[in-house]
ModelCIF file with pLDDT and N, C-alpha, C, O atoms, coordinates in Angstrom:
data_MODEL
#
_entry.id   MODEL 
#
_entity.id                         1 
_entity.type                       polymer 
_entity.pdbx_number_of_molecules   1 
#
_entity_poly.entity_id                      1 
_entity_poly.type                           'polypeptide(L)' 
_entity_poly.nstd_linkage                   no 
_entity_poly.nstd_monomer                   no 
_entity_poly.pdbx_seq_one_letter_code       KILIEHSNCDYFEVVPTDQDFVDLIPKLIYALDEPLAGPG 
_entity_poly.pdbx_seq_one_letter_code_can   KILIEHSNCDYFEVVPTDQDFVDLIPKLIYALDEPLAGPG 
_entity_poly.pdbx_strand_id                 A 
#
loop_
_entity_poly_seq.entity_id 
_entity_poly_seq.num 
_entity_poly_seq.mon_id 
_entity_poly_seq.hetero 
1 1  LYS n 
1 2  ILE n 
1 3  LEU n 
1 4  ILE n 
1 5  GLU n 
1 6  HIS n 
1 7  SER n 
1 8  ASN n 
1 9  CYS n 
1 10 ASP n 
1 11 TYR n 
1 12 PHE n 
1 13 GLU n 
1 14 VAL n 
1 15 VAL n 
1 16 PRO n 
1 17 THR n 
1 18 ASP n 
1 19 GLN n 
1 20 ASP n 
1 21 PHE n 
1 22 VAL n 
1 23 ASP n 
1 24 LEU n 
1 25 ILE n 
1 26 PRO n 
1 27 LYS n 
1 28 LEU n 
1 29 ILE n 
1 30 TYR n 
1 31 ALA n 
1 32 LEU n 
1 33 ASP n 
1 34 GLU n 
1 35 PRO n 
1 36 LEU n 
1 37 ALA n 
1 38 GLY n 
1 39 PRO n 
1 40 GLY n 
#
_struct_asym.id          A 
_struct_asym.entity_id   1 
#
loop_
_ma_qa_metric.id 
_ma_qa_metric.mode 
_ma_qa_metric.name 
_ma_qa_metric.software_group_id 
_ma_qa_metric.type 
1 global pLDDT . pLDDT 
2 local  pLDDT . pLDDT 
#
_ma_qa_metric_global.metric_id      1 
_ma_qa_metric_global.metric_value   93.97 
_ma_qa_metric_global.model_id       1 
_ma_qa_metric_global.ordinal_id     1 
#
loop_
_ma_qa_metric_local.label_asym_id 
_ma_qa_metric_local.label_comp_id 
_ma_qa_metric_local.label_seq_id 
_ma_qa_metric_local.metric_id 
_ma_qa_metric_local.metric_value 
_ma_qa_metric_local.model_id 
_ma_qa_metric_local.ordinal_id 
A LYS 1  2 94.00 1 1  
A ILE 2  2 95.00 1 2  
A LEU 3  2 93.00 1 3  
A ILE 4  2 92.00 1 4  
A GLU 5  2 89.00 1 5  
A HIS 6  2 86.00 1 6  
A SER 7  2 89.00 1 7  
A ASN 8  2 89.00 1 8  
A CYS 9  2 94.00 1 9  
A ASP 10 2 95.00 1 10 
A TYR 11 2 96.00 1 11 
A PHE 12 2 98.00 1 12 
A GLU 13 2 97.00 1 13 
A VAL 14 2 98.00 1 14 
A VAL 15 2 97.00 1 15 
A PRO 16 2 97.00 1 16 
A THR 17 2 97.00 1 17 
A ASP 18 2 96.00 1 18 
A GLN 19 2 97.00 1 19 
A ASP 20 2 97.00 1 20 
A PHE 21 2 97.00 1 21 
A VAL 22 2 97.00 1 22 
A ASP 23 2 97.00 1 23 
A LEU 24 2 97.00 1 24 
A ILE 25 2 96.00 1 25 
A PRO 26 2 96.00 1 26 
A LYS 27 2 96.00 1 27 
A LEU 28 2 96.00 1 28 
A ILE 29 2 96.00 1 29 
A TYR 30 2 97.00 1 30 
A ALA 31 2 97.00 1 31 
A LEU 32 2 97.00 1 32 
A ASP 33 2 97.00 1 33 
A GLU 34 2 96.00 1 34 
A PRO 35 2 93.00 1 35 
A LEU 36 2 82.00 1 36 
A ALA 37 2 77.00 1 37 
A GLY 38 2 86.00 1 38 
A PRO 39 2 91.00 1 39 
A GLY 40 2 92.00 1 40 
#
loop_
_atom_site.group_PDB 
_atom_site.id 
_atom_site.type_symbol 
_atom_site.label_atom_id 
_atom_site.label_alt_id 
_atom_site.label_comp_id 
_atom_site.label_asym_id 
_atom_site.label_entity_id 
_atom_site.label_seq_id 
_atom_site.pdbx_PDB_ins_code 
_atom_site.Cartn_x 
_atom_site.Cartn_y 
_atom_site.Cartn_z 
_atom_site.occupancy 
_atom_site.B_iso_or_equiv 
_atom_site.pdbx_formal_charge 
_atom_site.auth_seq_id 
_atom_site.auth_comp_id 
_atom_site.auth_asym_id 
_atom_site.auth_atom_id 
_atom_site.pdbx_PDB_model_num 
ATOM 1   N N  . LYS A 1 1  ? 8.362   8.532   10.784  1.00 94.00 ? 1  LYS A N  1 
ATOM 2   C CA . LYS A 1 1  ? 9.071   9.816   10.759  1.00 94.00 ? 1  LYS A CA 1 
ATOM 3   C C  . LYS A 1 1  ? 10.102  9.911   11.880  1.00 94.00 ? 1  LYS A C  1 
ATOM 4   O O  . LYS A 1 1  ? 11.125  10.577  11.724  1.00 94.00 ? 1  LYS A O  1 
ATOM 5   N N  . ILE A 1 2  ? 9.840   9.251   13.010  1.00 95.00 ? 2  ILE A N  1 
ATOM 6   C CA . ILE A 1 2  ? 10.853  9.178   14.063  1.00 95.00 ? 2  ILE A CA 1 
ATOM 7   C C  . ILE A 1 2  ? 12.107  8.495   13.534  1.00 95.00 ? 2  ILE A C  1 
ATOM 8   O O  . ILE A 1 2  ? 13.228  8.912   13.824  1.00 95.00 ? 2  ILE A O  1 
ATOM 9   N N  . LEU A 1 3  ? 11.899  7.431   12.748  1.00 93.00 ? 3  LEU A N  1 
ATOM 10  C CA . LEU A 1 3  ? 13.046  6.723   12.183  1.00 93.00 ? 3  LEU A CA 1 
ATOM 11  C C  . LEU A 1 3  ? 13.855  7.636   11.267  1.00 93.00 ? 3  LEU A C  1 
ATOM 12  O O  . LEU A 1 3  ? 15.085  7.614   11.297  1.00 93.00 ? 3  LEU A O  1 
ATOM 13  N N  . ILE A 1 4  ? 13.176  8.428   10.463  1.00 92.00 ? 4  ILE A N  1 
ATOM 14  C CA . ILE A 1 4  ? 13.870  9.318   9.520   1.00 92.00 ? 4  ILE A CA 1 
ATOM 15  C C  . ILE A 1 4  ? 14.791  10.280  10.262  1.00 92.00 ? 4  ILE A C  1 
ATOM 16  O O  . ILE A 1 4  ? 15.869  10.618  9.773   1.00 92.00 ? 4  ILE A O  1 
ATOM 17  N N  . GLU A 1 5  ? 14.367  10.714  11.433  1.00 89.00 ? 5  GLU A N  1 
ATOM 18  C CA . GLU A 1 5  ? 15.184  11.637  12.227  1.00 89.00 ? 5  GLU A CA 1 
ATOM 19  C C  . GLU A 1 5  ? 16.471  10.984  12.719  1.00 89.00 ? 5  GLU A C  1 
ATOM 20  O O  . GLU A 1 5  ? 17.424  11.674  13.079  1.00 89.00 ? 5  GLU A O  1 
ATOM 21  N N  . HIS A 1 6  ? 16.495  9.646   12.734  1.00 86.00 ? 6  HIS A N  1 
ATOM 22  C CA . HIS A 1 6  ? 17.660  8.917   13.255  1.00 86.00 ? 6  HIS A CA 1 
ATOM 23  C C  . HIS A 1 6  ? 18.392  8.138   12.160  1.00 86.00 ? 6  HIS A C  1 
ATOM 24  O O  . HIS A 1 6  ? 19.177  7.241   12.470  1.00 86.00 ? 6  HIS A O  1 
ATOM 25  N N  . SER A 1 7  ? 18.153  8.459   10.900  1.00 89.00 ? 7  SER A N  1 
ATOM 26  C CA . SER A 1 7  ? 18.787  7.681   9.826   1.00 89.00 ? 7  SER A CA 1 
ATOM 27  C C  . SER A 1 7  ? 19.058  8.558   8.619   1.00 89.00 ? 7  SER A C  1 
ATOM 28  O O  . SER A 1 7  ? 18.588  9.693   8.536   1.00 89.00 ? 7  SER A O  1 
ATOM 29  N N  . ASN A 1 8  ? 19.814  8.021   7.696   1.00 89.00 ? 8  ASN A N  1 
ATOM 30  C CA . ASN A 1 8  ? 20.200  8.728   6.484   1.00 89.00 ? 8  ASN A CA 1 
ATOM 31  C C  . ASN A 1 8  ? 19.200  8.414   5.376   1.00 89.00 ? 8  ASN A C  1 
ATOM 32  O O  . ASN A 1 8  ? 19.557  7.823   4.358   1.00 89.00 ? 8  ASN A O  1 
ATOM 33  N N  . CYS A 1 9  ? 17.936  8.817   5.581   1.00 94.00 ? 9  CYS A N  1 
ATOM 34  C CA . CYS A 1 9  ? 16.863  8.435   4.668   1.00 94.00 ? 9  CYS A CA 1 
ATOM 35  C C  . CYS A 1 9  ? 16.003  9.639   4.289   1.00 94.00 ? 9  CYS A C  1 
ATOM 36  O O  . CYS A 1 9  ? 15.898  10.608  5.041   1.00 94.00 ? 9  CYS A O  1 
ATOM 37  N N  . ASP A 1 10 ? 15.394  9.557   3.112   1.00 95.00 ? 10 ASP A N  1 
ATOM 38  C CA . ASP A 1 10 ? 14.385  10.515  2.661   1.00 95.00 ? 10 ASP A CA 1 
ATOM 39  C C  . ASP A 1 10 ? 13.033  9.812   2.655   1.00 95.00 ? 10 ASP A C  1 
ATOM 40  O O  . ASP A 1 10 ? 12.924  8.664   2.226   1.00 95.00 ? 10 ASP A O  1 
ATOM 41  N N  . TYR A 1 11 ? 12.005  10.505  3.132   1.00 96.00 ? 11 TYR A N  1 
ATOM 42  C CA . TYR A 1 11 ? 10.690  9.912   3.397   1.00 96.00 ? 11 TYR A CA 1 
ATOM 43  C C  . TYR A 1 11 ? 9.695   10.241  2.286   1.00 96.00 ? 11 TYR A C  1 
ATOM 44  O O  . TYR A 1 11 ? 9.557   11.396  1.883   1.00 96.00 ? 11 TYR A O  1 
ATOM 45  N N  . PHE A 1 12 ? 9.003   9.207   1.795   1.00 98.00 ? 12 PHE A N  1 
ATOM 46  C CA . PHE A 1 12 ? 7.928   9.373   0.820   1.00 98.00 ? 12 PHE A CA 1 
ATOM 47  C C  . PHE A 1 12 ? 6.718   8.588   1.319   1.00 98.00 ? 12 PHE A C  1 
ATOM 48  O O  . PHE A 1 12 ? 6.871   7.490   1.855   1.00 98.00 ? 12 PHE A O  1 
ATOM 49  N N  . GLU A 1 13 ? 5.532   9.134   1.148   1.00 97.00 ? 13 GLU A N  1 
ATOM 50  C CA . GLU A 1 13 ? 4.351   8.434   1.626   1.00 97.00 ? 13 GLU A CA 1 
ATOM 51  C C  . GLU A 1 13 ? 3.213   8.498   0.611   1.00 97.00 ? 13 GLU A C  1 
ATOM 52  O O  . GLU A 1 13 ? 3.168   9.380   -0.247  1.00 97.00 ? 13 GLU A O  1 
ATOM 53  N N  . VAL A 1 14 ? 2.302   7.544   0.734   1.00 98.00 ? 14 VAL A N  1 
ATOM 54  C CA . VAL A 1 14 ? 1.080   7.510   -0.070  1.00 98.00 ? 14 VAL A CA 1 
ATOM 55  C C  . VAL A 1 14 ? -0.093  7.365   0.887   1.00 98.00 ? 14 VAL A C  1 
ATOM 56  O O  . VAL A 1 14 ? 0.010   6.695   1.915   1.00 98.00 ? 14 VAL A O  1 
ATOM 57  N N  . VAL A 1 15 ? -1.208  7.997   0.541   1.00 97.00 ? 15 VAL A N  1 
ATOM 58  C CA . VAL A 1 15 ? -2.407  7.953   1.374   1.00 97.00 ? 15 VAL A CA 1 
ATOM 59  C C  . VAL A 1 15 ? -3.543  7.362   0.540   1.00 97.00 ? 15 VAL A C  1 
ATOM 60  O O  . VAL A 1 15 ? -4.230  8.093   -0.173  1.00 97.00 ? 15 VAL A O  1 
ATOM 61  N N  . PRO A 1 16 ? -3.745  6.050   0.622   1.00 97.00 ? 16 PRO A N  1 
ATOM 62  C CA . PRO A 1 16 ? -4.797  5.406   -0.166  1.00 97.00 ? 16 PRO A CA 1 
ATOM 63  C C  . PRO A 1 16 ? -6.189  5.906   0.251   1.00 97.00 ? 16 PRO A C  1 
ATOM 64  O O  . PRO A 1 16 ? -6.417  6.261   1.408   1.00 97.00 ? 16 PRO A O  1 
ATOM 65  N N  . THR A 1 17 ? -7.099  5.922   -0.710  1.00 97.00 ? 17 THR A N  1 
ATOM 66  C CA . THR A 1 17 ? -8.466  6.381   -0.462  1.00 97.00 ? 17 THR A CA 1 
ATOM 67  C C  . THR A 1 17 ? -9.468  5.268   -0.737  1.00 97.00 ? 17 THR A C  1 
ATOM 68  O O  . THR A 1 17 ? -9.120  4.211   -1.264  1.00 97.00 ? 17 THR A O  1 
ATOM 69  N N  . ASP A 1 18 ? -10.725 5.530   -0.368  1.00 96.00 ? 18 ASP A N  1 
ATOM 70  C CA . ASP A 1 18 ? -11.774 4.552   -0.644  1.00 96.00 ? 18 ASP A CA 1 
ATOM 71  C C  . ASP A 1 18 ? -11.961 4.334   -2.141  1.00 96.00 ? 18 ASP A C  1 
ATOM 72  O O  . ASP A 1 18 ? -12.272 3.224   -2.574  1.00 96.00 ? 18 ASP A O  1 
ATOM 73  N N  . GLN A 1 19 ? -11.771 5.393   -2.937  1.00 97.00 ? 19 GLN A N  1 
ATOM 74  C CA . GLN A 1 19 ? -11.894 5.237   -4.386  1.00 97.00 ? 19 GLN A CA 1 
ATOM 75  C C  . GLN A 1 19 ? -10.756 4.377   -4.938  1.00 97.00 ? 19 GLN A C  1 
ATOM 76  O O  . GLN A 1 19 ? -10.964 3.587   -5.859  1.00 97.00 ? 19 GLN A O  1 
ATOM 77  N N  . ASP A 1 20 ? -9.558  4.528   -4.379  1.00 97.00 ? 20 ASP A N  1 
ATOM 78  C CA . ASP A 1 20 ? -8.439  3.654   -4.775  1.00 97.00 ? 20 ASP A CA 1 
ATOM 79  C C  . ASP A 1 20 ? -8.812  2.193   -4.537  1.00 97.00 ? 20 ASP A C  1 
ATOM 80  O O  . ASP A 1 20 ? -8.531  1.330   -5.370  1.00 97.00 ? 20 ASP A O  1 
ATOM 81  N N  . PHE A 1 21 ? -9.441  1.924   -3.406  1.00 97.00 ? 21 PHE A N  1 
ATOM 82  C CA . PHE A 1 21 ? -9.829  0.550   -3.074  1.00 97.00 ? 21 PHE A CA 1 
ATOM 83  C C  . PHE A 1 21 ? -10.743 -0.014  -4.156  1.00 97.00 ? 21 PHE A C  1 
ATOM 84  O O  . PHE A 1 21 ? -10.522 -1.122  -4.646  1.00 97.00 ? 21 PHE A O  1 
ATOM 85  N N  . VAL A 1 22 ? -11.746 0.731   -4.520  1.00 97.00 ? 22 VAL A N  1 
ATOM 86  C CA . VAL A 1 22 ? -12.701 0.271   -5.536  1.00 97.00 ? 22 VAL A CA 1 
ATOM 87  C C  . VAL A 1 22 ? -12.018 0.081   -6.890  1.00 97.00 ? 22 VAL A C  1 
ATOM 88  O O  . VAL A 1 22 ? -12.283 -0.892  -7.596  1.00 97.00 ? 22 VAL A O  1 
ATOM 89  N N  . ASP A 1 23 ? -11.146 1.009   -7.240  1.00 97.00 ? 23 ASP A N  1 
ATOM 90  C CA . ASP A 1 23 ? -10.493 0.953   -8.549  1.00 97.00 ? 23 ASP A CA 1 
ATOM 91  C C  . ASP A 1 23 ? -9.475  -0.177  -8.660  1.00 97.00 ? 23 ASP A C  1 
ATOM 92  O O  . ASP A 1 23 ? -9.293  -0.750  -9.734  1.00 97.00 ? 23 ASP A O  1 
ATOM 93  N N  . LEU A 1 24 ? -8.810  -0.499  -7.547  1.00 97.00 ? 24 LEU A N  1 
ATOM 94  C CA . LEU A 1 24 ? -7.641  -1.375  -7.626  1.00 97.00 ? 24 LEU A CA 1 
ATOM 95  C C  . LEU A 1 24 ? -7.873  -2.818  -7.211  1.00 97.00 ? 24 LEU A C  1 
ATOM 96  O O  . LEU A 1 24 ? -7.113  -3.690  -7.632  1.00 97.00 ? 24 LEU A O  1 
ATOM 97  N N  . ILE A 1 25 ? -8.878  -3.109  -6.413  1.00 96.00 ? 25 ILE A N  1 
ATOM 98  C CA . ILE A 1 25 ? -9.021  -4.469  -5.892  1.00 96.00 ? 25 ILE A CA 1 
ATOM 99  C C  . ILE A 1 25 ? -9.099  -5.522  -6.992  1.00 96.00 ? 25 ILE A C  1 
ATOM 100 O O  . ILE A 1 25 ? -8.428  -6.546  -6.867  1.00 96.00 ? 25 ILE A O  1 
ATOM 101 N N  . PRO A 1 26 ? -9.867  -5.343  -8.053  1.00 96.00 ? 26 PRO A N  1 
ATOM 102 C CA . PRO A 1 26 ? -9.850  -6.367  -9.110  1.00 96.00 ? 26 PRO A CA 1 
ATOM 103 C C  . PRO A 1 26 ? -8.467  -6.580  -9.715  1.00 96.00 ? 26 PRO A C  1 
ATOM 104 O O  . PRO A 1 26 ? -8.067  -7.717  -9.965  1.00 96.00 ? 26 PRO A O  1 
ATOM 105 N N  . LYS A 1 27 ? -7.736  -5.493  -9.950  1.00 96.00 ? 27 LYS A N  1 
ATOM 106 C CA . LYS A 1 27 ? -6.375  -5.616  -10.482 1.00 96.00 ? 27 LYS A CA 1 
ATOM 107 C C  . LYS A 1 27 ? -5.466  -6.331  -9.490  1.00 96.00 ? 27 LYS A C  1 
ATOM 108 O O  . LYS A 1 27 ? -4.619  -7.136  -9.877  1.00 96.00 ? 27 LYS A O  1 
ATOM 109 N N  . LEU A 1 28 ? -5.649  -6.030  -8.217  1.00 96.00 ? 28 LEU A N  1 
ATOM 110 C CA . LEU A 1 28 ? -4.807  -6.607  -7.177  1.00 96.00 ? 28 LEU A CA 1 
ATOM 111 C C  . LEU A 1 28 ? -5.036  -8.108  -7.048  1.00 96.00 ? 28 LEU A C  1 
ATOM 112 O O  . LEU A 1 28 ? -4.075  -8.872  -6.964  1.00 96.00 ? 28 LEU A O  1 
ATOM 113 N N  . ILE A 1 29 ? -6.285  -8.536  -7.031  1.00 96.00 ? 29 ILE A N  1 
ATOM 114 C CA . ILE A 1 29 ? -6.580  -9.971  -6.919  1.00 96.00 ? 29 ILE A CA 1 
ATOM 115 C C  . ILE A 1 29 ? -6.028  -10.708 -8.130  1.00 96.00 ? 29 ILE A C  1 
ATOM 116 O O  . ILE A 1 29 ? -5.519  -11.821 -7.997  1.00 96.00 ? 29 ILE A O  1 
ATOM 117 N N  . TYR A 1 30 ? -6.122  -10.102 -9.306  1.00 97.00 ? 30 TYR A N  1 
ATOM 118 C CA . TYR A 1 30 ? -5.551  -10.726 -10.506 1.00 97.00 ? 30 TYR A CA 1 
ATOM 119 C C  . TYR A 1 30 ? -4.037  -10.841 -10.371 1.00 97.00 ? 30 TYR A C  1 
ATOM 120 O O  . TYR A 1 30 ? -3.457  -11.863 -10.739 1.00 97.00 ? 30 TYR A O  1 
ATOM 121 N N  . ALA A 1 31 ? -3.402  -9.812  -9.853  1.00 97.00 ? 31 ALA A N  1 
ATOM 122 C CA . ALA A 1 31 ? -1.946  -9.845  -9.684  1.00 97.00 ? 31 ALA A CA 1 
ATOM 123 C C  . ALA A 1 31 ? -1.530  -10.947 -8.717  1.00 97.00 ? 31 ALA A C  1 
ATOM 124 O O  . ALA A 1 31 ? -0.488  -11.572 -8.912  1.00 97.00 ? 31 ALA A O  1 
ATOM 125 N N  . LEU A 1 32 ? -2.331  -11.197 -7.673  1.00 97.00 ? 32 LEU A N  1 
ATOM 126 C CA . LEU A 1 32 ? -1.970  -12.170 -6.645  1.00 97.00 ? 32 LEU A CA 1 
ATOM 127 C C  . LEU A 1 32 ? -2.089  -13.615 -7.122  1.00 97.00 ? 32 LEU A C  1 
ATOM 128 O O  . LEU A 1 32 ? -1.422  -14.492 -6.571  1.00 97.00 ? 32 LEU A O  1 
ATOM 129 N N  . ASP A 1 33 ? -2.911  -13.886 -8.121  1.00 97.00 ? 33 ASP A N  1 
ATOM 130 C CA . ASP A 1 33 ? -3.219  -15.242 -8.591  1.00 97.00 ? 33 ASP A CA 1 
ATOM 131 C C  . ASP A 1 33 ? -4.169  -15.986 -7.661  1.00 97.00 ? 33 ASP A C  1 
ATOM 132 O O  . ASP A 1 33 ? -4.980  -16.792 -8.117  1.00 97.00 ? 33 ASP A O  1 
ATOM 133 N N  . GLU A 1 34 ? -4.075  -15.722 -6.370  1.00 96.00 ? 34 GLU A N  1 
ATOM 134 C CA . GLU A 1 34 ? -4.938  -16.357 -5.381  1.00 96.00 ? 34 GLU A CA 1 
ATOM 135 C C  . GLU A 1 34 ? -5.335  -15.320 -4.335  1.00 96.00 ? 34 GLU A C  1 
ATOM 136 O O  . GLU A 1 34 ? -4.579  -14.379 -4.092  1.00 96.00 ? 34 GLU A O  1 
ATOM 137 N N  . PRO A 1 35 ? -6.513  -15.471 -3.705  1.00 93.00 ? 35 PRO A N  1 
ATOM 138 C CA . PRO A 1 35 ? -6.964  -14.478 -2.721  1.00 93.00 ? 35 PRO A CA 1 
ATOM 139 C C  . PRO A 1 35 ? -6.314  -14.680 -1.366  1.00 93.00 ? 35 PRO A C  1 
ATOM 140 O O  . PRO A 1 35 ? -6.916  -15.266 -0.465  1.00 93.00 ? 35 PRO A O  1 
ATOM 141 N N  . LEU A 1 36 ? -5.085  -14.198 -1.216  1.00 82.00 ? 36 LEU A N  1 
ATOM 142 C CA . LEU A 1 36 ? -4.295  -14.437 -0.014  1.00 82.00 ? 36 LEU A CA 1 
ATOM 143 C C  . LEU A 1 36 ? -4.349  -13.269 0.948   1.00 82.00 ? 36 LEU A C  1 
ATOM 144 O O  . LEU A 1 36 ? -4.696  -12.149 0.573   1.00 82.00 ? 36 LEU A O  1 
ATOM 145 N N  . ALA A 1 37 ? -3.997  -13.549 2.202   1.00 77.00 ? 37 ALA A N  1 
ATOM 146 C CA . ALA A 1 37 ? -3.740  -12.536 3.224   1.00 77.00 ? 37 ALA A CA 1 
ATOM 147 C C  . ALA A 1 37 ? -4.987  -11.720 3.538   1.00 77.00 ? 37 ALA A C  1 
ATOM 148 O O  . ALA A 1 37 ? -6.100  -12.082 3.156   1.00 77.00 ? 37 ALA A O  1 
ATOM 149 N N  . GLY A 1 38 ? -4.775  -10.606 4.245   1.00 86.00 ? 38 GLY A N  1 
ATOM 150 C CA . GLY A 1 38 ? -5.870  -9.747  4.651   1.00 86.00 ? 38 GLY A CA 1 
ATOM 151 C C  . GLY A 1 38 ? -5.894  -8.471  3.840   1.00 86.00 ? 38 GLY A C  1 
ATOM 152 O O  . GLY A 1 38 ? -5.135  -8.335  2.880   1.00 86.00 ? 38 GLY A O  1 
ATOM 153 N N  . PRO A 1 39 ? -6.764  -7.520  4.210   1.00 91.00 ? 39 PRO A N  1 
ATOM 154 C CA . PRO A 1 39 ? -6.922  -6.296  3.416   1.00 91.00 ? 39 PRO A CA 1 
ATOM 155 C C  . PRO A 1 39 ? -5.684  -5.411  3.388   1.00 91.00 ? 39 PRO A C  1 
ATOM 156 O O  . PRO A 1 39 ? -5.604  -4.490  2.575   1.00 91.00 ? 39 PRO A O  1 
ATOM 157 N N  . GLY A 1 40 ? -4.708  -5.680  4.272   1.00 92.00 ? 40 GLY A N  1 
ATOM 158 C CA . GLY A 1 40 ? -3.479  -4.892  4.257   1.00 92.00 ? 40 GLY A CA 1 
ATOM 159 C C  . GLY A 1 40 ? -2.705  -4.990  2.960   1.00 92.00 ? 40 GLY A C  1 
ATOM 160 O O  . GLY A 1 40 ? -1.650  -4.371  2.822   1.00 92.00 ? 40 GLY A O  1 
#
């Protein structure tokens, strides 16, 4: 948000939840093809 104050940008955010994690991880691993990187 500090950056937005100094730039010509509009800010949008998402707040993931624990239920999102449960719902999406199988889809996410399938999308990746391989289990790469960390939980980020």
